[in-house]
Structure formats: structure tokens, C-alpha cells
Amino acid sequence: MAYFPMFVELSGKKCLIIGGGKVALRKAVALLDFEASLTIVASRIIPEFKDLEANHKTLVEIIERDYKEEDLQEAFLVIAATDDKELNKRISIDCKSKGIPVNVVDVKEECSFIFPAYVRKKSITVGITSSGNSPVLTQQIKKTVEKNLPDYIGLLSDKMGNARKLVKSEFHTERERKQVYIRMAEIGEKKKGNLTEEDICDIMEEMKKELHQDSSDIK
């Protein structure tokens, strides 16, 4: 069974990690990359978690004790990453009974969502999963994506995103806007992401002329 790739906003959302080891730390670092608000619950934590808390004071809370079901209150999602399989299973059952998405590390059957490998370039994020079948294969694919995805692609995405409001005001059909964005992407890739406001205005004027010409030809 394949998993549907759904991208969600985590900024400011409570993400609960239960466990204080290296695996839990990796999950925490990944979630912080998307500005999640983290609560880590574990009776024992590795020292790196203290560094994480010090460097992200407004986003990271560490609670050094055993898990309680009350910890799930207001949780947007949960990662069960303890070294106790029975505890992880109980956390999974508790989350599913409350409709909270849960990932149990290395136990696909107890997960309601898969924690993907990902490559991020600013606003561009490529998520990769084998649906829990082969983490090794997933990491190999990640390396391939990292190698082939240019660093400037995130900058280009931001530039095109900033132009959306202007494009919508000047072009009134989805077909027209799509053509404009295709041209922006082509020029932006040639310029390695350095798409200026002048470039965008020139592209829009050029596309208006082309679309007007196409309309005249049809008549």
C-alpha cells in the first residue's frame, strides 16, 4: 500500500515527541526545520536535547518524566520514539483513539503517518517515502534528489511566489496564468533563480502581446 503525500503547515503547532535518544533527536531536528513547537517527554534524555532547548528556547520544551496520556492534549501530531516497544504501542493506541496522527519509529503497522525523508531548498520541499518498506532505499533516493535539485530552485520559488498577486491581477484565466508561470520558470532557471522584478514585468508584457496575438489570430 502506498501512502498519500500530504504536506501540512507545522509552524507553531504542538508536536509531541516521546523519547529522549538519538532517534528522537533526529525527529526533533527535522520538525524544527519547519518551525514546529516541540514538547519532548522522556525520563532520560541525551545531552544534545539540552543544546536544542537552549538554541530554540521559544519552540522546545523538555519534560523529564515518563509518558502520561494527558501529554496528548492539544497535540497536532505525535512521534513515539522510546526503546520500549510496549510503551510505543500504547502511545499509538492512545493517539488513534483520539484521532491524533502518530508515528511509531520503525513499526509501520502502528503508524498512522510516515515520517518522510526530505530535501528542502527554502520553500521547495521534496518528501520521499517507501511507505515504510525500505528506509535504506528512501535514503538512496534522497541522495539522488539532493544531487540533482539545484540550490537556486528555492530562491526561484520564492520569486515566483512573490509575483502571484500581480499575475492574478493582470491575467484573468488559469490558462493565461499558467503560461506566464511557465515562462517565468524558464527564464528563472536560465538565470539560476535570479529573477528580478524587471524580468517579471518584461515577461508579463511579452505574454500579454503573445496572448493578444493569439486572440487576434483566432478571430
N, C-alpha and C. Protein backbone atom coordinates (compact mmCIF):
# COMPACT_ATOMS: atom_id res chain seq x y z
N MET A 1 0.84 -1.20 0.00
CA MET A 1 0.00 0.00 0.00
C MET A 1 0.88 1.24 0.00
N ALA A 2 0.56 2.18 -0.88
CA ALA A 2 1.29 3.43 -0.94
C ALA A 2 0.62 4.48 -0.04
N TYR A 3 1.42 5.38 0.51
CA TYR A 3 0.90 6.44 1.36
C TYR A 3 0.74 7.73 0.57
N PHE A 4 -0.36 8.44 0.79
CA PHE A 4 -0.63 9.69 0.11
C PHE A 4 0.28 10.79 0.67
N PRO A 5 1.01 11.50 -0.20
CA PRO A 5 1.93 12.56 0.28
C PRO A 5 1.17 13.85 0.54
N MET A 6 0.90 14.15 1.80
CA MET A 6 0.18 15.37 2.17
C MET A 6 1.13 16.30 2.93
N PHE A 7 1.29 17.51 2.43
CA PHE A 7 2.17 18.47 3.09
C PHE A 7 1.33 19.37 3.99
N VAL A 8 1.76 19.53 5.25
CA VAL A 8 0.99 20.30 6.22
C VAL A 8 1.86 21.39 6.85
N GLU A 9 1.21 22.46 7.27
CA GLU A 9 1.92 23.53 7.96
C GLU A 9 2.12 23.15 9.42
N LEU A 10 3.36 23.19 9.89
CA LEU A 10 3.67 22.84 11.28
C LEU A 10 4.03 24.05 12.14
N SER A 11 4.18 25.20 11.52
CA SER A 11 4.61 26.38 12.26
C SER A 11 3.69 26.66 13.46
N GLY A 12 4.28 26.62 14.65
CA GLY A 12 3.53 26.90 15.86
C GLY A 12 2.66 25.76 16.37
N LYS A 13 2.60 24.66 15.64
CA LYS A 13 1.76 23.53 16.06
C LYS A 13 2.50 22.68 17.10
N LYS A 14 1.76 22.18 18.09
CA LYS A 14 2.37 21.33 19.12
C LYS A 14 2.66 19.94 18.55
N CYS A 15 3.93 19.60 18.50
CA CYS A 15 4.34 18.27 18.07
C CYS A 15 5.02 17.60 19.26
N LEU A 16 4.47 16.48 19.65
CA LEU A 16 4.93 15.78 20.85
C LEU A 16 5.87 14.63 20.46
N ILE A 17 7.05 14.62 21.03
CA ILE A 17 7.99 13.52 20.84
C ILE A 17 8.19 12.82 22.17
N ILE A 18 7.93 11.53 22.20
CA ILE A 18 8.10 10.75 23.42
C ILE A 18 9.32 9.88 23.23
N GLY A 19 10.36 10.18 23.98
CA GLY A 19 11.64 9.51 23.83
C GLY A 19 12.75 10.54 23.85
N GLY A 20 13.90 10.14 24.39
CA GLY A 20 14.98 11.11 24.55
C GLY A 20 16.31 10.65 23.99
N GLY A 21 16.29 9.72 23.04
CA GLY A 21 17.53 9.20 22.46
C GLY A 21 17.87 9.84 21.12
N LYS A 22 18.81 9.22 20.40
CA LYS A 22 19.30 9.77 19.14
C LYS A 22 18.23 9.80 18.06
N VAL A 23 17.40 8.77 18.01
CA VAL A 23 16.34 8.74 17.00
C VAL A 23 15.35 9.88 17.26
N ALA A 24 14.95 10.05 18.50
CA ALA A 24 14.04 11.14 18.86
C ALA A 24 14.66 12.49 18.52
N LEU A 25 15.96 12.62 18.74
CA LEU A 25 16.65 13.87 18.44
C LEU A 25 16.59 14.18 16.94
N ARG A 26 16.81 13.17 16.11
CA ARG A 26 16.75 13.38 14.66
C ARG A 26 15.36 13.85 14.24
N LYS A 27 14.33 13.27 14.83
CA LYS A 27 12.97 13.69 14.50
C LYS A 27 12.74 15.14 14.96
N ALA A 28 13.26 15.48 16.13
CA ALA A 28 13.10 16.84 16.65
C ALA A 28 13.76 17.86 15.74
N VAL A 29 14.97 17.57 15.30
CA VAL A 29 15.70 18.50 14.42
C VAL A 29 14.93 18.70 13.12
N ALA A 30 14.38 17.63 12.58
CA ALA A 30 13.62 17.73 11.33
C ALA A 30 12.37 18.58 11.53
N LEU A 31 11.64 18.38 12.61
CA LEU A 31 10.42 19.15 12.85
C LEU A 31 10.73 20.62 13.09
N LEU A 32 11.84 20.91 13.74
CA LEU A 32 12.23 22.30 13.95
C LEU A 32 12.58 23.00 12.65
N ASP A 33 12.99 22.23 11.65
CA ASP A 33 13.28 22.79 10.33
C ASP A 33 12.02 23.41 9.73
N PHE A 34 10.84 22.99 10.26
CA PHE A 34 9.58 23.52 9.77
C PHE A 34 8.85 24.32 10.85
N GLU A 35 9.62 24.78 11.86
CA GLU A 35 9.16 25.71 12.89
C GLU A 35 8.05 25.14 13.77
N ALA A 36 8.07 23.83 13.96
CA ALA A 36 7.09 23.22 14.87
C ALA A 36 7.40 23.61 16.31
N SER A 37 6.39 23.59 17.15
CA SER A 37 6.55 23.80 18.58
C SER A 37 6.66 22.43 19.24
N LEU A 38 7.83 22.12 19.79
CA LEU A 38 8.11 20.76 20.27
C LEU A 38 7.97 20.60 21.77
N THR A 39 7.34 19.50 22.16
CA THR A 39 7.37 19.05 23.55
C THR A 39 7.99 17.67 23.55
N ILE A 40 9.08 17.53 24.31
CA ILE A 40 9.77 16.23 24.40
C ILE A 40 9.54 15.67 25.79
N VAL A 41 8.98 14.47 25.84
CA VAL A 41 8.72 13.81 27.13
C VAL A 41 9.55 12.54 27.20
N ALA A 42 10.41 12.45 28.21
CA ALA A 42 11.24 11.26 28.39
C ALA A 42 11.85 11.29 29.78
N SER A 43 11.98 10.12 30.38
CA SER A 43 12.59 10.05 31.72
C SER A 43 14.09 10.26 31.66
N ARG A 44 14.68 9.92 30.48
CA ARG A 44 16.12 10.15 30.27
C ARG A 44 16.31 10.77 28.89
N ILE A 45 17.16 11.78 28.81
CA ILE A 45 17.42 12.42 27.53
C ILE A 45 18.93 12.53 27.31
N ILE A 46 19.35 12.47 26.07
CA ILE A 46 20.77 12.67 25.76
C ILE A 46 21.09 14.16 25.84
N PRO A 47 22.35 14.52 26.12
CA PRO A 47 22.72 15.93 26.33
C PRO A 47 22.37 16.85 25.16
N GLU A 48 22.36 16.31 23.94
CA GLU A 48 22.07 17.15 22.77
C GLU A 48 20.69 17.82 22.85
N PHE A 49 19.77 17.19 23.58
CA PHE A 49 18.44 17.80 23.72
C PHE A 49 18.52 19.11 24.50
N LYS A 50 19.40 19.18 25.47
CA LYS A 50 19.56 20.41 26.24
C LYS A 50 20.10 21.53 25.34
N ASP A 51 21.01 21.15 24.44
CA ASP A 51 21.53 22.14 23.48
C ASP A 51 20.41 22.62 22.56
N LEU A 52 19.56 21.68 22.14
CA LEU A 52 18.44 22.02 21.27
C LEU A 52 17.50 22.99 21.98
N GLU A 53 17.24 22.73 23.24
CA GLU A 53 16.35 23.59 24.02
C GLU A 53 16.96 24.98 24.19
N ALA A 54 18.27 25.04 24.42
CA ALA A 54 18.94 26.32 24.60
C ALA A 54 18.94 27.15 23.32
N ASN A 55 19.05 26.48 22.19
CA ASN A 55 19.11 27.18 20.90
C ASN A 55 17.75 27.53 20.33
N HIS A 56 16.69 26.90 20.87
CA HIS A 56 15.33 27.15 20.38
C HIS A 56 14.40 27.33 21.58
N LYS A 57 14.69 28.32 22.40
CA LYS A 57 14.00 28.48 23.68
C LYS A 57 12.49 28.62 23.54
N THR A 58 12.03 29.28 22.49
CA THR A 58 10.59 29.50 22.34
C THR A 58 9.86 28.33 21.69
N LEU A 59 10.61 27.38 21.16
CA LEU A 59 10.00 26.29 20.41
C LEU A 59 10.14 24.92 21.07
N VAL A 60 11.04 24.79 22.03
CA VAL A 60 11.32 23.47 22.59
C VAL A 60 11.06 23.45 24.10
N GLU A 61 10.25 22.49 24.53
CA GLU A 61 10.01 22.25 25.95
C GLU A 61 10.36 20.80 26.25
N ILE A 62 11.19 20.59 27.27
CA ILE A 62 11.59 19.24 27.67
C ILE A 62 10.97 18.91 29.02
N ILE A 63 10.27 17.79 29.08
CA ILE A 63 9.66 17.32 30.32
C ILE A 63 10.31 15.98 30.67
N GLU A 64 11.10 15.96 31.72
CA GLU A 64 11.87 14.76 32.08
C GLU A 64 11.09 13.89 33.06
N ARG A 65 10.24 13.07 32.52
CA ARG A 65 9.46 12.08 33.28
C ARG A 65 8.87 11.09 32.30
N ASP A 66 8.20 10.07 32.84
CA ASP A 66 7.55 9.08 31.99
C ASP A 66 6.32 9.66 31.30
N TYR A 67 5.96 9.04 30.20
CA TYR A 67 4.78 9.46 29.41
C TYR A 67 3.50 9.28 30.19
N LYS A 68 2.58 10.25 30.03
CA LYS A 68 1.22 10.14 30.55
C LYS A 68 0.26 10.44 29.40
N GLU A 69 -0.88 9.81 29.42
CA GLU A 69 -1.85 10.04 28.34
C GLU A 69 -2.25 11.51 28.25
N GLU A 70 -2.21 12.22 29.38
CA GLU A 70 -2.56 13.65 29.37
C GLU A 70 -1.60 14.48 28.51
N ASP A 71 -0.41 13.93 28.24
CA ASP A 71 0.56 14.66 27.40
C ASP A 71 0.02 14.90 25.99
N LEU A 72 -0.97 14.11 25.59
CA LEU A 72 -1.50 14.21 24.23
C LEU A 72 -2.43 15.40 24.03
N GLN A 73 -2.80 16.07 25.11
CA GLN A 73 -3.71 17.20 24.99
C GLN A 73 -3.14 18.26 24.05
N GLU A 74 -3.96 18.65 23.06
CA GLU A 74 -3.63 19.70 22.08
C GLU A 74 -2.48 19.32 21.15
N ALA A 75 -2.08 18.06 21.15
CA ALA A 75 -1.00 17.64 20.24
C ALA A 75 -1.51 17.58 18.80
N PHE A 76 -0.75 18.15 17.88
CA PHE A 76 -1.10 18.12 16.46
C PHE A 76 -0.65 16.81 15.84
N LEU A 77 0.51 16.34 16.28
CA LEU A 77 0.99 15.02 15.88
C LEU A 77 1.95 14.50 16.94
N VAL A 78 2.20 13.20 16.92
CA VAL A 78 3.00 12.55 17.95
C VAL A 78 4.02 11.61 17.32
N ILE A 79 5.23 11.63 17.87
CA ILE A 79 6.27 10.68 17.49
C ILE A 79 6.58 9.82 18.71
N ALA A 80 6.40 8.52 18.59
CA ALA A 80 6.75 7.59 19.66
C ALA A 80 8.11 7.00 19.34
N ALA A 81 9.12 7.40 20.10
CA ALA A 81 10.50 7.01 19.78
C ALA A 81 11.24 6.52 21.02
N THR A 82 10.55 5.77 21.87
CA THR A 82 11.22 5.21 23.05
C THR A 82 11.83 3.86 22.67
N ASP A 83 12.64 3.30 23.59
CA ASP A 83 13.21 1.96 23.36
C ASP A 83 12.35 0.86 23.97
N ASP A 84 11.12 1.23 24.35
CA ASP A 84 10.16 0.29 24.95
C ASP A 84 9.05 0.03 23.94
N LYS A 85 9.05 -1.13 23.31
CA LYS A 85 8.07 -1.45 22.27
C LYS A 85 6.63 -1.42 22.78
N GLU A 86 6.43 -1.91 23.99
CA GLU A 86 5.08 -1.93 24.55
C GLU A 86 4.58 -0.53 24.82
N LEU A 87 5.46 0.33 25.29
CA LEU A 87 5.08 1.73 25.54
C LEU A 87 4.74 2.41 24.22
N ASN A 88 5.58 2.20 23.21
CA ASN A 88 5.31 2.79 21.90
C ASN A 88 3.95 2.34 21.37
N LYS A 89 3.64 1.06 21.55
CA LYS A 89 2.35 0.54 21.10
C LYS A 89 1.20 1.20 21.85
N ARG A 90 1.38 1.40 23.16
CA ARG A 90 0.32 2.05 23.95
C ARG A 90 0.11 3.49 23.51
N ILE A 91 1.21 4.17 23.21
CA ILE A 91 1.11 5.55 22.72
C ILE A 91 0.34 5.58 21.41
N SER A 92 0.63 4.63 20.54
CA SER A 92 -0.07 4.54 19.26
C SER A 92 -1.58 4.35 19.46
N ILE A 93 -1.94 3.45 20.37
CA ILE A 93 -3.36 3.18 20.65
C ILE A 93 -4.03 4.42 21.22
N ASP A 94 -3.35 5.10 22.15
CA ASP A 94 -3.89 6.31 22.76
C ASP A 94 -4.13 7.39 21.70
N CYS A 95 -3.16 7.57 20.79
CA CYS A 95 -3.29 8.60 19.75
C CYS A 95 -4.42 8.28 18.79
N LYS A 96 -4.48 7.04 18.35
CA LYS A 96 -5.51 6.66 17.38
C LYS A 96 -6.91 6.78 17.97
N SER A 97 -7.04 6.53 19.26
CA SER A 97 -8.35 6.65 19.90
C SER A 97 -8.80 8.11 19.97
N LYS A 98 -7.83 9.03 19.91
CA LYS A 98 -8.13 10.47 19.99
C LYS A 98 -8.05 11.14 18.61
N GLY A 99 -7.76 10.37 17.58
CA GLY A 99 -7.67 10.94 16.24
C GLY A 99 -6.43 11.79 16.03
N ILE A 100 -5.36 11.51 16.76
CA ILE A 100 -4.12 12.27 16.63
C ILE A 100 -3.15 11.48 15.74
N PRO A 101 -2.62 12.07 14.69
CA PRO A 101 -1.64 11.37 13.85
C PRO A 101 -0.43 10.94 14.67
N VAL A 102 0.00 9.69 14.49
CA VAL A 102 1.11 9.16 15.28
C VAL A 102 2.08 8.40 14.39
N ASN A 103 3.35 8.58 14.67
CA ASN A 103 4.40 7.81 14.01
C ASN A 103 5.17 7.05 15.08
N VAL A 104 5.17 5.73 14.94
CA VAL A 104 5.95 4.89 15.85
C VAL A 104 7.21 4.47 15.09
N VAL A 105 8.34 4.88 15.58
CA VAL A 105 9.60 4.67 14.86
C VAL A 105 9.84 3.19 14.59
N ASP A 106 10.07 2.88 13.32
CA ASP A 106 10.43 1.53 12.87
C ASP A 106 9.33 0.47 13.02
N VAL A 107 8.10 0.91 13.29
CA VAL A 107 6.99 -0.05 13.36
C VAL A 107 5.86 0.47 12.47
N LYS A 108 5.92 0.13 11.22
CA LYS A 108 4.97 0.64 10.22
C LYS A 108 3.53 0.36 10.62
N GLU A 109 3.26 -0.82 11.15
CA GLU A 109 1.88 -1.23 11.44
C GLU A 109 1.22 -0.37 12.52
N GLU A 110 2.02 0.30 13.35
CA GLU A 110 1.46 1.10 14.44
C GLU A 110 1.43 2.59 14.11
N CYS A 111 1.82 2.93 12.87
CA CYS A 111 1.84 4.33 12.43
C CYS A 111 0.53 4.70 11.73
N SER A 112 0.10 5.94 11.93
CA SER A 112 -0.98 6.47 11.10
C SER A 112 -0.43 7.45 10.07
N PHE A 113 0.85 7.82 10.21
CA PHE A 113 1.53 8.57 9.16
C PHE A 113 3.00 8.18 9.13
N ILE A 114 3.60 8.33 7.97
CA ILE A 114 5.01 8.01 7.78
C ILE A 114 5.83 9.29 7.88
N PHE A 115 6.92 9.23 8.63
CA PHE A 115 7.84 10.36 8.72
C PHE A 115 8.80 10.26 7.52
N PRO A 116 8.70 11.19 6.58
CA PRO A 116 9.46 11.01 5.33
C PRO A 116 10.90 11.49 5.44
N ALA A 117 11.73 10.99 4.54
CA ALA A 117 12.99 11.66 4.27
C ALA A 117 12.63 12.87 3.41
N TYR A 118 13.40 13.93 3.48
CA TYR A 118 13.04 15.09 2.68
C TYR A 118 14.29 15.89 2.29
N VAL A 119 14.12 16.63 1.21
CA VAL A 119 15.13 17.58 0.77
C VAL A 119 14.45 18.94 0.72
N ARG A 120 15.06 19.95 1.35
CA ARG A 120 14.43 21.27 1.40
C ARG A 120 15.36 22.34 0.86
N LYS A 121 14.82 23.17 -0.03
CA LYS A 121 15.50 24.35 -0.55
C LYS A 121 14.54 25.52 -0.38
N LYS A 122 14.65 26.24 0.72
CA LYS A 122 13.71 27.31 1.06
C LYS A 122 12.27 26.78 1.05
N SER A 123 11.40 27.33 0.15
CA SER A 123 10.00 26.91 0.15
C SER A 123 9.76 25.63 -0.65
N ILE A 124 10.79 25.13 -1.31
CA ILE A 124 10.66 23.86 -2.04
C ILE A 124 11.01 22.70 -1.09
N THR A 125 10.08 21.78 -0.94
CA THR A 125 10.33 20.59 -0.13
C THR A 125 9.95 19.36 -0.94
N VAL A 126 10.89 18.42 -1.03
CA VAL A 126 10.63 17.15 -1.70
C VAL A 126 10.59 16.08 -0.62
N GLY A 127 9.42 15.47 -0.44
CA GLY A 127 9.28 14.40 0.54
C GLY A 127 9.42 13.04 -0.13
N ILE A 128 10.07 12.11 0.56
CA ILE A 128 10.35 10.80 -0.03
C ILE A 128 10.00 9.71 0.98
N THR A 129 9.25 8.73 0.53
CA THR A 129 8.95 7.59 1.40
C THR A 129 8.78 6.33 0.57
N SER A 130 9.13 5.21 1.16
CA SER A 130 8.87 3.91 0.54
C SER A 130 7.64 3.28 1.18
N SER A 131 6.82 4.12 1.84
CA SER A 131 5.64 3.66 2.59
C SER A 131 6.04 2.71 3.72
N GLY A 132 7.23 2.94 4.25
CA GLY A 132 7.70 2.13 5.38
C GLY A 132 8.38 0.83 4.98
N ASN A 133 8.49 0.57 3.69
CA ASN A 133 9.04 -0.72 3.25
C ASN A 133 10.56 -0.79 3.29
N SER A 134 11.23 0.31 2.96
CA SER A 134 12.68 0.27 2.86
C SER A 134 13.32 1.63 3.14
N PRO A 135 13.60 1.94 4.41
CA PRO A 135 14.27 3.21 4.73
C PRO A 135 15.61 3.38 4.02
N VAL A 136 16.33 2.29 3.79
CA VAL A 136 17.62 2.38 3.10
C VAL A 136 17.41 2.90 1.67
N LEU A 137 16.42 2.35 0.98
CA LEU A 137 16.11 2.80 -0.38
C LEU A 137 15.68 4.27 -0.37
N THR A 138 14.90 4.64 0.62
CA THR A 138 14.45 6.02 0.74
C THR A 138 15.64 6.97 0.85
N GLN A 139 16.63 6.60 1.66
CA GLN A 139 17.81 7.45 1.82
C GLN A 139 18.62 7.53 0.53
N GLN A 140 18.67 6.45 -0.22
CA GLN A 140 19.37 6.48 -1.51
C GLN A 140 18.69 7.43 -2.49
N ILE A 141 17.37 7.40 -2.49
CA ILE A 141 16.62 8.31 -3.36
C ILE A 141 16.84 9.76 -2.92
N LYS A 142 16.88 9.97 -1.61
CA LYS A 142 17.13 11.32 -1.10
C LYS A 142 18.47 11.86 -1.61
N LYS A 143 19.49 11.02 -1.59
CA LYS A 143 20.80 11.45 -2.08
C LYS A 143 20.75 11.83 -3.56
N THR A 144 19.98 11.07 -4.33
CA THR A 144 19.82 11.36 -5.76
C THR A 144 19.13 12.70 -5.96
N VAL A 145 18.08 12.95 -5.19
CA VAL A 145 17.36 14.22 -5.29
C VAL A 145 18.26 15.39 -4.90
N GLU A 146 18.99 15.23 -3.79
CA GLU A 146 19.90 16.29 -3.33
C GLU A 146 20.93 16.62 -4.39
N LYS A 147 21.42 15.61 -5.07
CA LYS A 147 22.44 15.79 -6.09
C LYS A 147 21.91 16.54 -7.31
N ASN A 148 20.65 16.30 -7.64
CA ASN A 148 20.10 16.83 -8.89
C ASN A 148 19.23 18.07 -8.72
N LEU A 149 18.83 18.38 -7.50
CA LEU A 149 17.99 19.56 -7.28
C LEU A 149 18.90 20.77 -7.04
N PRO A 150 18.89 21.76 -7.94
CA PRO A 150 19.81 22.90 -7.80
C PRO A 150 19.50 23.76 -6.58
N ASP A 151 20.54 24.33 -6.00
CA ASP A 151 20.38 25.16 -4.80
C ASP A 151 19.50 26.37 -5.07
N TYR A 152 19.51 26.88 -6.30
CA TYR A 152 18.77 28.11 -6.60
C TYR A 152 17.26 27.89 -6.72
N ILE A 153 16.80 26.64 -6.74
CA ILE A 153 15.40 26.39 -7.01
C ILE A 153 14.49 26.97 -5.94
N GLY A 154 14.96 27.01 -4.69
CA GLY A 154 14.16 27.61 -3.62
C GLY A 154 14.03 29.11 -3.79
N LEU A 155 15.11 29.76 -4.21
CA LEU A 155 15.08 31.20 -4.47
C LEU A 155 14.10 31.51 -5.59
N LEU A 156 14.14 30.71 -6.65
CA LEU A 156 13.23 30.91 -7.77
C LEU A 156 11.78 30.73 -7.33
N SER A 157 11.52 29.74 -6.50
CA SER A 157 10.18 29.52 -5.98
C SER A 157 9.68 30.74 -5.22
N ASP A 158 10.54 31.30 -4.38
CA ASP A 158 10.15 32.49 -3.61
C ASP A 158 9.86 33.68 -4.53
N LYS A 159 10.69 33.86 -5.56
CA LYS A 159 10.49 34.97 -6.50
C LYS A 159 9.15 34.83 -7.23
N MET A 160 8.86 33.60 -7.66
CA MET A 160 7.61 33.37 -8.38
C MET A 160 6.41 33.49 -7.44
N GLY A 161 6.58 33.08 -6.20
CA GLY A 161 5.51 33.22 -5.21
C GLY A 161 5.19 34.68 -4.96
N ASN A 162 6.22 35.52 -4.90
CA ASN A 162 6.01 36.95 -4.68
C ASN A 162 5.29 37.62 -5.84
N ALA A 163 5.37 37.00 -7.02
CA ALA A 163 4.75 37.59 -8.22
C ALA A 163 3.30 37.15 -8.41
N ARG A 164 2.82 36.22 -7.61
CA ARG A 164 1.50 35.63 -7.83
C ARG A 164 0.37 36.67 -7.80
N LYS A 165 0.42 37.57 -6.83
CA LYS A 165 -0.66 38.56 -6.70
C LYS A 165 -0.72 39.44 -7.94
N LEU A 166 0.44 39.86 -8.42
CA LEU A 166 0.49 40.70 -9.61
C LEU A 166 0.00 39.96 -10.85
N VAL A 167 0.42 38.71 -10.99
CA VAL A 167 0.00 37.91 -12.14
C VAL A 167 -1.53 37.72 -12.13
N LYS A 168 -2.08 37.44 -10.96
CA LYS A 168 -3.53 37.24 -10.87
C LYS A 168 -4.31 38.49 -11.24
N SER A 169 -3.72 39.66 -10.92
CA SER A 169 -4.42 40.91 -11.23
C SER A 169 -4.37 41.26 -12.71
N GLU A 170 -3.37 40.72 -13.43
CA GLU A 170 -3.17 41.09 -14.83
C GLU A 170 -3.67 40.03 -15.81
N PHE A 171 -3.75 38.78 -15.35
CA PHE A 171 -4.19 37.69 -16.23
C PHE A 171 -5.36 36.98 -15.57
N HIS A 172 -6.46 36.86 -16.31
CA HIS A 172 -7.73 36.51 -15.67
C HIS A 172 -8.18 35.07 -15.85
N THR A 173 -7.42 34.27 -16.58
CA THR A 173 -7.79 32.86 -16.70
C THR A 173 -6.63 32.00 -16.21
N GLU A 174 -6.98 30.79 -15.77
CA GLU A 174 -5.95 29.86 -15.28
C GLU A 174 -4.98 29.51 -16.40
N ARG A 175 -5.49 29.37 -17.62
CA ARG A 175 -4.64 29.04 -18.77
C ARG A 175 -3.59 30.13 -19.01
N GLU A 176 -4.01 31.39 -18.96
CA GLU A 176 -3.09 32.50 -19.19
C GLU A 176 -2.03 32.57 -18.09
N ARG A 177 -2.47 32.43 -16.84
CA ARG A 177 -1.53 32.50 -15.73
C ARG A 177 -0.52 31.37 -15.80
N LYS A 178 -0.97 30.19 -16.18
CA LYS A 178 -0.06 29.05 -16.29
C LYS A 178 1.03 29.33 -17.31
N GLN A 179 0.66 29.92 -18.43
CA GLN A 179 1.66 30.25 -19.45
C GLN A 179 2.69 31.25 -18.94
N VAL A 180 2.21 32.21 -18.16
CA VAL A 180 3.12 33.21 -17.57
C VAL A 180 4.10 32.53 -16.62
N TYR A 181 3.59 31.66 -15.76
CA TYR A 181 4.45 30.98 -14.79
C TYR A 181 5.46 30.06 -15.48
N ILE A 182 5.04 29.41 -16.57
CA ILE A 182 5.96 28.56 -17.31
C ILE A 182 7.12 29.39 -17.85
N ARG A 183 6.78 30.57 -18.40
CA ARG A 183 7.83 31.45 -18.94
C ARG A 183 8.75 31.95 -17.81
N MET A 184 8.17 32.28 -16.67
CA MET A 184 8.98 32.72 -15.53
C MET A 184 9.94 31.62 -15.09
N ALA A 185 9.43 30.40 -15.03
CA ALA A 185 10.28 29.27 -14.62
C ALA A 185 11.42 29.07 -15.60
N GLU A 186 11.13 29.18 -16.91
CA GLU A 186 12.16 29.01 -17.94
C GLU A 186 13.24 30.06 -17.81
N ILE A 187 12.82 31.33 -17.69
CA ILE A 187 13.80 32.42 -17.56
C ILE A 187 14.53 32.32 -16.24
N GLY A 188 13.79 32.00 -15.17
CA GLY A 188 14.40 31.91 -13.84
C GLY A 188 15.45 30.82 -13.75
N GLU A 189 15.21 29.69 -14.41
CA GLU A 189 16.21 28.61 -14.41
C GLU A 189 17.45 29.02 -15.19
N LYS A 190 17.25 29.73 -16.29
CA LYS A 190 18.41 30.20 -17.06
C LYS A 190 19.26 31.18 -16.24
N LYS A 191 18.58 31.95 -15.38
CA LYS A 191 19.28 32.94 -14.56
C LYS A 191 19.61 32.41 -13.17
N LYS A 192 19.47 31.08 -12.99
CA LYS A 192 19.79 30.41 -11.73
C LYS A 192 19.09 31.05 -10.52
N GLY A 193 17.82 31.33 -10.72
CA GLY A 193 16.99 31.83 -9.63
C GLY A 193 16.95 33.33 -9.49
N ASN A 194 17.86 34.03 -10.15
CA ASN A 194 17.93 35.49 -10.00
C ASN A 194 16.93 36.20 -10.91
N LEU A 195 15.67 35.95 -10.66
CA LEU A 195 14.58 36.55 -11.42
C LEU A 195 14.24 37.90 -10.78
N THR A 196 14.52 39.00 -11.49
CA THR A 196 14.30 40.33 -10.94
C THR A 196 12.88 40.82 -11.21
N GLU A 197 12.49 41.89 -10.52
CA GLU A 197 11.18 42.49 -10.77
C GLU A 197 11.08 42.97 -12.21
N GLU A 198 12.18 43.47 -12.74
CA GLU A 198 12.20 43.91 -14.13
C GLU A 198 11.96 42.73 -15.07
N ASP A 199 12.59 41.58 -14.76
CA ASP A 199 12.38 40.37 -15.56
C ASP A 199 10.90 39.99 -15.56
N ILE A 200 10.29 40.04 -14.38
CA ILE A 200 8.90 39.64 -14.25
C ILE A 200 7.98 40.57 -15.05
N CYS A 201 8.25 41.86 -14.97
CA CYS A 201 7.44 42.83 -15.73
C CYS A 201 7.61 42.61 -17.23
N ASP A 202 8.84 42.36 -17.66
CA ASP A 202 9.10 42.12 -19.09
C ASP A 202 8.38 40.86 -19.57
N ILE A 203 8.41 39.81 -18.75
CA ILE A 203 7.74 38.56 -19.11
C ILE A 203 6.24 38.77 -19.24
N MET A 204 5.67 39.53 -18.30
CA MET A 204 4.23 39.77 -18.33
C MET A 204 3.83 40.58 -19.56
N GLU A 205 4.61 41.59 -19.90
CA GLU A 205 4.31 42.39 -21.09
C GLU A 205 4.42 41.55 -22.36
N GLU A 206 5.45 40.72 -22.40
CA GLU A 206 5.65 39.85 -23.55
C GLU A 206 4.49 38.87 -23.69
N MET A 207 4.04 38.30 -22.57
CA MET A 207 2.96 37.34 -22.61
C MET A 207 1.64 38.00 -23.00
N LYS A 208 1.41 39.23 -22.57
CA LYS A 208 0.20 39.95 -22.96
C LYS A 208 0.15 40.12 -24.48
N LYS A 209 1.29 40.46 -25.07
CA LYS A 209 1.36 40.62 -26.51
C LYS A 209 1.09 39.29 -27.22
N GLU A 210 1.70 38.22 -26.73
CA GLU A 210 1.51 36.91 -27.35
C GLU A 210 0.06 36.46 -27.25
N LEU A 211 -0.54 36.65 -26.08
CA LEU A 211 -1.92 36.24 -25.89
C LEU A 211 -2.88 37.07 -26.73
N HIS A 212 -2.58 38.36 -26.86
CA HIS A 212 -3.40 39.24 -27.70
C HIS A 212 -3.30 38.80 -29.15
N GLN A 213 -2.09 38.45 -29.57
CA GLN A 213 -1.87 38.00 -30.95
C GLN A 213 -2.62 36.70 -31.21
N ASP A 214 -2.55 35.78 -30.23
CA ASP A 214 -3.26 34.50 -30.38
C ASP A 214 -4.76 34.74 -30.52
N SER A 215 -5.28 35.70 -29.72
CA SER A 215 -6.70 36.03 -29.76
C SER A 215 -7.09 36.61 -31.11
N SER A 216 -6.21 37.45 -31.65
CA SER A 216 -6.47 38.09 -32.95
C SER A 216 -6.46 37.05 -34.06
N ASP A 217 -5.55 36.08 -33.97
CA ASP A 217 -5.45 35.04 -34.98
C ASP A 217 -6.71 34.18 -35.02
N ILE A 218 -7.26 33.93 -33.85
CA ILE A 218 -8.49 33.12 -33.76
C ILE A 218 -9.65 33.83 -34.44
N LYS A 219 -9.73 35.15 -34.24
CA LYS A 219 -10.80 35.93 -34.86
C LYS A 219 -10.64 35.96 -36.37
